[in-house]
């Protein structure tokens, strides 16, 4: 599609599922649900909510950069947790990236993620090229 930029997901299951890590159309960027997995599909920091979130947010920031955005362009994040009691550790990592930017944010408990060692997943929405 013309005018659309994509960042490949780069995970073994991406071609089966048919998705991109992030997509930009016009000023809008959507970052897919991102988990703490490597390009080979291995889980980073199994069952550690803080370290998984740190890794995830590094991946999100990297995808944003590939599309010409920064964390300051993020207007919304969605955080999915398999155990809502992990919110403080996850929130601390989230705050290390977004404190002062303060996007709209949701923390939602879910039943499970794709691999049993995954306990957090993050989505983000950004808008670039507009003035406040």
N, C-alpha and C. Protein backbone atom coordinates (compact mmCIF):
# COMPACT_ATOMS: atom_id res chain seq x y z
N UNK A 1 0.84 -1.18 0.00
CA UNK A 1 0.00 0.00 0.00
C UNK A 1 0.89 1.24 0.00
N UNK A 2 0.60 2.15 -0.90
CA UNK A 2 1.39 3.38 -1.02
C UNK A 2 1.20 4.25 0.22
N UNK A 3 2.27 4.88 0.67
CA UNK A 3 2.20 5.75 1.82
C UNK A 3 2.23 5.02 3.16
N UNK A 4 2.46 3.73 3.13
CA UNK A 4 2.52 2.94 4.35
C UNK A 4 3.95 2.44 4.54
N UNK A 5 4.47 2.62 5.75
CA UNK A 5 5.79 2.08 6.09
C UNK A 5 5.59 1.01 7.15
N UNK A 6 6.40 -0.03 7.06
CA UNK A 6 6.31 -1.13 8.01
C UNK A 6 7.68 -1.47 8.60
N UNK A 7 7.66 -1.90 9.84
CA UNK A 7 8.82 -2.49 10.48
C UNK A 7 8.49 -3.97 10.62
N UNK A 8 9.27 -4.85 10.01
CA UNK A 8 8.98 -6.28 10.12
C UNK A 8 9.03 -6.75 11.57
N UNK A 9 8.17 -7.72 11.88
CA UNK A 9 8.15 -8.26 13.24
C UNK A 9 9.41 -9.05 13.54
N UNK A 10 9.94 -9.74 12.54
CA UNK A 10 11.18 -10.47 12.73
C UNK A 10 11.12 -11.59 13.75
N UNK A 11 9.99 -12.26 13.83
CA UNK A 11 9.83 -13.40 14.73
C UNK A 11 9.39 -14.61 13.90
N UNK A 12 9.71 -15.82 14.35
CA UNK A 12 9.41 -17.01 13.55
C UNK A 12 7.93 -17.14 13.18
N UNK A 13 7.04 -16.66 14.01
CA UNK A 13 5.61 -16.82 13.77
C UNK A 13 4.99 -15.66 12.99
N UNK A 14 5.77 -14.64 12.66
CA UNK A 14 5.22 -13.46 12.00
C UNK A 14 4.61 -13.77 10.63
N UNK A 15 5.26 -14.61 9.85
CA UNK A 15 4.72 -14.90 8.52
C UNK A 15 3.46 -15.76 8.62
N UNK A 16 3.37 -16.61 9.64
CA UNK A 16 2.17 -17.42 9.83
C UNK A 16 0.99 -16.54 10.23
N UNK A 17 1.25 -15.63 11.17
CA UNK A 17 0.21 -14.75 11.67
C UNK A 17 -0.08 -13.63 10.66
N UNK A 18 0.96 -13.15 9.98
CA UNK A 18 0.81 -12.07 9.01
C UNK A 18 0.70 -10.71 9.67
N UNK A 19 1.78 -10.29 10.31
CA UNK A 19 1.76 -8.98 10.97
C UNK A 19 3.13 -8.33 10.92
N UNK A 20 3.16 -7.04 11.21
CA UNK A 20 4.38 -6.25 11.29
C UNK A 20 4.59 -5.82 12.74
N UNK A 21 5.84 -5.55 13.11
CA UNK A 21 6.11 -5.01 14.46
C UNK A 21 5.41 -3.66 14.61
N UNK A 22 5.51 -2.84 13.54
CA UNK A 22 4.87 -1.52 13.59
C UNK A 22 4.52 -1.11 12.17
N UNK A 23 3.54 -0.23 12.09
CA UNK A 23 3.10 0.28 10.79
C UNK A 23 2.80 1.77 10.93
N UNK A 24 3.20 2.52 9.91
CA UNK A 24 2.96 3.97 9.89
C UNK A 24 2.15 4.31 8.65
N UNK A 25 1.08 5.01 8.86
CA UNK A 25 0.27 5.52 7.75
C UNK A 25 -0.06 6.96 8.08
N UNK A 26 0.41 7.87 7.22
CA UNK A 26 0.27 9.28 7.53
C UNK A 26 1.03 9.57 8.81
N UNK A 27 0.44 10.33 9.72
CA UNK A 27 1.12 10.65 10.97
C UNK A 27 0.96 9.58 12.05
N UNK A 28 0.20 8.53 11.75
CA UNK A 28 -0.14 7.54 12.77
C UNK A 28 0.78 6.31 12.73
N UNK A 29 1.23 5.91 13.90
CA UNK A 29 2.04 4.70 14.05
C UNK A 29 1.36 3.81 15.07
N UNK A 30 1.21 2.55 14.69
CA UNK A 30 0.71 1.53 15.62
C UNK A 30 1.80 0.49 15.79
N UNK A 31 2.17 0.23 17.03
CA UNK A 31 3.14 -0.81 17.34
C UNK A 31 2.36 -2.02 17.86
N UNK A 32 2.55 -3.15 17.19
CA UNK A 32 1.85 -4.38 17.57
C UNK A 32 2.19 -4.80 18.99
N UNK A 33 1.36 -5.67 19.52
CA UNK A 33 1.67 -6.28 20.80
C UNK A 33 3.07 -6.87 20.73
N UNK A 34 3.92 -6.41 21.62
CA UNK A 34 5.33 -6.80 21.62
C UNK A 34 5.63 -7.55 22.91
N UNK A 35 6.23 -8.71 22.76
CA UNK A 35 6.57 -9.53 23.92
C UNK A 35 8.09 -9.64 24.03
N UNK A 36 8.53 -10.23 25.10
CA UNK A 36 9.97 -10.36 25.37
C UNK A 36 10.52 -11.62 24.69
N UNK A 37 10.55 -11.59 23.36
CA UNK A 37 11.09 -12.70 22.60
C UNK A 37 12.16 -12.20 21.64
N UNK A 38 13.14 -13.05 21.40
CA UNK A 38 14.22 -12.73 20.47
C UNK A 38 13.78 -13.06 19.05
N UNK A 39 14.60 -12.70 18.08
CA UNK A 39 14.32 -13.01 16.68
C UNK A 39 14.21 -14.51 16.44
N UNK A 40 14.86 -15.30 17.29
CA UNK A 40 14.81 -16.76 17.17
C UNK A 40 13.59 -17.34 17.88
N UNK A 41 12.85 -16.50 18.61
CA UNK A 41 11.67 -16.97 19.31
C UNK A 41 11.91 -17.38 20.75
N UNK A 42 13.10 -17.09 21.28
CA UNK A 42 13.41 -17.42 22.68
C UNK A 42 12.87 -16.33 23.60
N UNK A 43 12.43 -16.72 24.78
CA UNK A 43 11.90 -15.77 25.76
C UNK A 43 13.05 -15.14 26.54
N UNK A 44 13.00 -13.83 26.66
CA UNK A 44 13.97 -13.06 27.44
C UNK A 44 13.43 -12.93 28.86
N UNK A 45 14.27 -13.17 29.84
CA UNK A 45 13.93 -13.00 31.26
C UNK A 45 12.62 -13.71 31.61
N UNK A 46 12.57 -15.04 31.43
CA UNK A 46 11.34 -15.76 31.72
C UNK A 46 10.77 -15.43 33.10
N UNK A 47 9.49 -15.11 33.11
CA UNK A 47 8.74 -14.85 34.34
C UNK A 47 9.23 -13.67 35.17
N UNK A 48 10.00 -12.75 34.58
CA UNK A 48 10.45 -11.54 35.29
C UNK A 48 9.73 -10.34 34.68
N UNK A 49 8.72 -9.80 35.36
CA UNK A 49 7.92 -8.73 34.75
C UNK A 49 8.70 -7.46 34.45
N UNK A 50 9.61 -7.07 35.33
CA UNK A 50 10.38 -5.84 35.10
C UNK A 50 11.31 -6.00 33.90
N UNK A 51 12.11 -7.06 33.89
CA UNK A 51 13.07 -7.24 32.79
C UNK A 51 12.38 -7.50 31.46
N UNK A 52 11.26 -8.22 31.48
CA UNK A 52 10.53 -8.41 30.23
C UNK A 52 10.03 -7.07 29.70
N UNK A 53 9.50 -6.25 30.57
CA UNK A 53 8.98 -4.94 30.14
C UNK A 53 10.11 -4.06 29.61
N UNK A 54 11.26 -4.05 30.29
CA UNK A 54 12.41 -3.28 29.80
C UNK A 54 12.77 -3.72 28.38
N UNK A 55 12.88 -5.02 28.15
CA UNK A 55 13.22 -5.55 26.83
C UNK A 55 12.16 -5.15 25.81
N UNK A 56 10.90 -5.30 26.17
CA UNK A 56 9.80 -4.96 25.27
C UNK A 56 9.86 -3.49 24.89
N UNK A 57 10.02 -2.63 25.87
CA UNK A 57 10.02 -1.19 25.56
C UNK A 57 11.22 -0.80 24.72
N UNK A 58 12.34 -1.47 24.88
CA UNK A 58 13.48 -1.24 23.97
C UNK A 58 13.08 -1.58 22.54
N UNK A 59 12.35 -2.69 22.36
CA UNK A 59 11.89 -3.09 21.03
C UNK A 59 10.89 -2.08 20.47
N UNK A 60 10.00 -1.59 21.31
CA UNK A 60 9.02 -0.59 20.89
C UNK A 60 9.71 0.69 20.46
N UNK A 61 10.64 1.18 21.26
CA UNK A 61 11.37 2.41 20.95
C UNK A 61 12.16 2.24 19.66
N UNK A 62 12.77 1.09 19.46
CA UNK A 62 13.51 0.81 18.23
C UNK A 62 12.59 0.84 17.01
N UNK A 63 11.42 0.24 17.12
CA UNK A 63 10.45 0.26 16.00
C UNK A 63 9.98 1.67 15.71
N UNK A 64 9.72 2.44 16.75
CA UNK A 64 9.32 3.84 16.56
C UNK A 64 10.41 4.61 15.82
N UNK A 65 11.67 4.42 16.23
CA UNK A 65 12.79 5.11 15.60
C UNK A 65 12.88 4.78 14.11
N UNK A 66 12.64 3.52 13.77
CA UNK A 66 12.69 3.12 12.36
C UNK A 66 11.64 3.85 11.53
N UNK A 67 10.60 4.32 12.19
CA UNK A 67 9.53 5.04 11.50
C UNK A 67 9.58 6.55 11.75
N UNK A 68 10.70 7.01 12.31
CA UNK A 68 10.89 8.46 12.50
C UNK A 68 10.21 9.03 13.73
N UNK A 69 9.97 8.21 14.74
CA UNK A 69 9.28 8.67 15.94
C UNK A 69 10.15 8.41 17.17
N UNK A 70 9.75 9.01 18.27
CA UNK A 70 10.41 8.83 19.56
C UNK A 70 9.34 8.53 20.61
N UNK A 71 9.73 8.17 21.82
CA UNK A 71 8.73 7.99 22.88
C UNK A 71 7.86 9.23 23.10
N UNK A 72 8.38 10.41 22.79
CA UNK A 72 7.60 11.64 22.96
C UNK A 72 6.41 11.72 22.01
N UNK A 73 6.42 10.91 20.97
CA UNK A 73 5.30 10.88 20.02
C UNK A 73 4.21 9.89 20.43
N UNK A 74 4.47 9.09 21.46
CA UNK A 74 3.51 8.08 21.90
C UNK A 74 2.35 8.76 22.65
N UNK A 75 1.15 8.42 22.22
CA UNK A 75 -0.05 8.98 22.86
C UNK A 75 -0.82 7.94 23.66
N UNK A 76 -0.51 6.65 23.45
CA UNK A 76 -1.22 5.60 24.17
C UNK A 76 -0.39 4.33 24.23
N UNK A 77 -0.41 3.68 25.39
CA UNK A 77 0.15 2.34 25.52
C UNK A 77 -0.92 1.43 26.11
N UNK A 78 -0.80 0.16 25.77
CA UNK A 78 -1.68 -0.86 26.32
C UNK A 78 -0.77 -1.96 26.84
N UNK A 79 -0.92 -2.29 28.10
CA UNK A 79 -0.06 -3.27 28.74
C UNK A 79 -0.93 -4.45 29.17
N UNK A 80 -0.57 -5.63 28.66
CA UNK A 80 -1.30 -6.85 28.99
C UNK A 80 -0.45 -7.70 29.93
N UNK A 81 -1.03 -8.07 31.07
CA UNK A 81 -0.32 -8.83 32.10
C UNK A 81 -1.05 -10.14 32.37
N UNK A 82 -0.30 -11.21 32.55
CA UNK A 82 -0.93 -12.46 32.93
C UNK A 82 -1.23 -12.50 34.42
N UNK A 83 -0.64 -11.57 35.18
CA UNK A 83 -0.91 -11.46 36.61
C UNK A 83 -0.88 -9.98 36.97
N UNK A 84 -2.03 -9.41 37.23
CA UNK A 84 -2.14 -7.97 37.47
C UNK A 84 -1.32 -7.52 38.68
N UNK A 85 -0.97 -8.45 39.58
CA UNK A 85 -0.15 -8.05 40.73
C UNK A 85 1.27 -7.67 40.32
N UNK A 86 1.64 -7.94 39.06
CA UNK A 86 2.95 -7.52 38.55
C UNK A 86 2.95 -6.06 38.09
N UNK A 87 1.85 -5.36 38.27
CA UNK A 87 1.72 -4.01 37.73
C UNK A 87 2.80 -3.06 38.22
N UNK A 88 3.25 -3.20 39.46
CA UNK A 88 4.25 -2.26 39.97
C UNK A 88 5.60 -2.41 39.27
N UNK A 89 6.05 -3.64 39.08
CA UNK A 89 7.32 -3.88 38.40
C UNK A 89 7.22 -3.44 36.94
N UNK A 90 6.11 -3.76 36.31
CA UNK A 90 5.89 -3.36 34.92
C UNK A 90 5.75 -1.85 34.83
N UNK A 91 5.01 -1.27 35.76
CA UNK A 91 4.83 0.18 35.78
C UNK A 91 6.14 0.93 35.98
N UNK A 92 7.03 0.38 36.80
CA UNK A 92 8.33 1.02 37.01
C UNK A 92 9.11 1.08 35.70
N UNK A 93 9.14 -0.03 34.96
CA UNK A 93 9.84 -0.04 33.66
C UNK A 93 9.16 0.90 32.67
N UNK A 94 7.83 0.91 32.65
CA UNK A 94 7.07 1.80 31.77
C UNK A 94 7.41 3.25 32.09
N UNK A 95 7.45 3.57 33.39
CA UNK A 95 7.76 4.93 33.81
C UNK A 95 9.16 5.38 33.45
N UNK A 96 10.09 4.44 33.39
CA UNK A 96 11.47 4.79 32.99
C UNK A 96 11.53 5.30 31.56
N UNK A 97 10.58 4.91 30.74
CA UNK A 97 10.53 5.38 29.35
C UNK A 97 9.55 6.53 29.21
N UNK A 98 8.41 6.46 29.88
CA UNK A 98 7.31 7.38 29.58
C UNK A 98 6.99 8.41 30.66
N UNK A 99 7.67 8.38 31.81
CA UNK A 99 7.41 9.39 32.83
C UNK A 99 7.73 10.77 32.28
N UNK A 100 6.82 11.70 32.44
CA UNK A 100 6.98 13.05 31.88
C UNK A 100 6.34 13.18 30.52
N UNK A 101 6.25 12.08 29.78
CA UNK A 101 5.51 12.05 28.51
C UNK A 101 4.05 11.75 28.83
N UNK A 102 3.87 10.79 29.73
CA UNK A 102 2.58 10.42 30.30
C UNK A 102 1.48 10.16 29.26
N UNK A 103 1.70 9.18 28.37
CA UNK A 103 0.64 8.84 27.42
C UNK A 103 -0.55 8.22 28.15
N UNK A 104 -1.68 8.19 27.48
CA UNK A 104 -2.80 7.41 28.01
C UNK A 104 -2.31 5.96 28.11
N UNK A 105 -2.79 5.24 29.12
CA UNK A 105 -2.24 3.90 29.35
C UNK A 105 -3.31 3.01 29.98
N UNK A 106 -3.32 1.76 29.57
CA UNK A 106 -4.19 0.75 30.18
C UNK A 106 -3.34 -0.43 30.61
N UNK A 107 -3.64 -0.97 31.79
CA UNK A 107 -3.07 -2.22 32.27
C UNK A 107 -4.23 -3.21 32.35
N UNK A 108 -4.11 -4.33 31.63
CA UNK A 108 -5.20 -5.28 31.54
C UNK A 108 -4.67 -6.68 31.87
N UNK A 109 -5.35 -7.38 32.77
CA UNK A 109 -4.97 -8.76 33.05
C UNK A 109 -5.63 -9.68 32.03
N UNK A 110 -4.83 -10.61 31.50
CA UNK A 110 -5.31 -11.58 30.52
C UNK A 110 -4.98 -12.99 31.00
N UNK A 111 -5.59 -13.98 30.38
CA UNK A 111 -5.39 -15.36 30.80
C UNK A 111 -4.03 -15.92 30.50
N UNK A 112 -3.49 -15.62 29.34
CA UNK A 112 -2.19 -16.18 28.93
C UNK A 112 -1.68 -15.43 27.72
N UNK A 113 -0.38 -15.56 27.50
CA UNK A 113 0.26 -15.08 26.27
C UNK A 113 0.72 -16.29 25.47
N UNK A 114 1.34 -16.06 24.34
CA UNK A 114 1.65 -17.13 23.39
C UNK A 114 2.57 -18.22 23.95
N UNK A 115 3.51 -17.85 24.79
CA UNK A 115 4.43 -18.81 25.40
C UNK A 115 4.27 -18.72 26.92
N UNK A 116 4.35 -19.83 27.64
CA UNK A 116 4.07 -19.80 29.08
C UNK A 116 4.99 -18.91 29.90
N UNK A 117 6.23 -18.68 29.45
CA UNK A 117 7.17 -17.84 30.21
C UNK A 117 6.93 -16.35 30.00
N UNK A 118 6.08 -16.01 29.03
CA UNK A 118 5.76 -14.60 28.78
C UNK A 118 4.68 -14.15 29.74
N UNK A 119 4.91 -13.00 30.36
CA UNK A 119 3.94 -12.52 31.34
C UNK A 119 3.50 -11.08 31.09
N UNK A 120 4.08 -10.44 30.06
CA UNK A 120 3.68 -9.08 29.74
C UNK A 120 3.83 -8.86 28.23
N UNK A 121 2.93 -8.04 27.70
CA UNK A 121 2.98 -7.64 26.29
C UNK A 121 2.54 -6.19 26.23
N UNK A 122 3.15 -5.41 25.33
CA UNK A 122 2.86 -3.98 25.26
C UNK A 122 2.56 -3.58 23.81
N UNK A 123 1.53 -2.76 23.63
CA UNK A 123 1.22 -2.11 22.36
C UNK A 123 1.40 -0.61 22.54
N UNK A 124 1.65 0.10 21.45
CA UNK A 124 1.78 1.56 21.54
C UNK A 124 1.20 2.21 20.29
N UNK A 125 0.68 3.41 20.48
CA UNK A 125 0.19 4.26 19.39
C UNK A 125 0.93 5.58 19.47
N UNK A 126 1.43 6.02 18.32
CA UNK A 126 2.14 7.31 18.27
C UNK A 126 1.59 8.13 17.12
N UNK A 127 1.73 9.43 17.25
CA UNK A 127 1.36 10.37 16.18
C UNK A 127 2.56 11.28 15.95
N UNK A 128 3.02 11.35 14.70
CA UNK A 128 4.19 12.17 14.38
C UNK A 128 3.82 13.27 13.40
N UNK A 129 4.66 14.29 13.38
CA UNK A 129 4.51 15.34 12.38
C UNK A 129 3.37 16.30 12.61
N UNK A 130 2.85 16.33 13.82
CA UNK A 130 1.79 17.29 14.14
C UNK A 130 2.28 18.17 15.26
N UNK A 131 1.75 19.35 15.34
CA UNK A 131 2.15 20.27 16.42
C UNK A 131 1.07 20.28 17.48
N UNK A 132 1.53 20.40 18.72
CA UNK A 132 0.57 20.42 19.84
C UNK A 132 -0.17 21.72 19.89
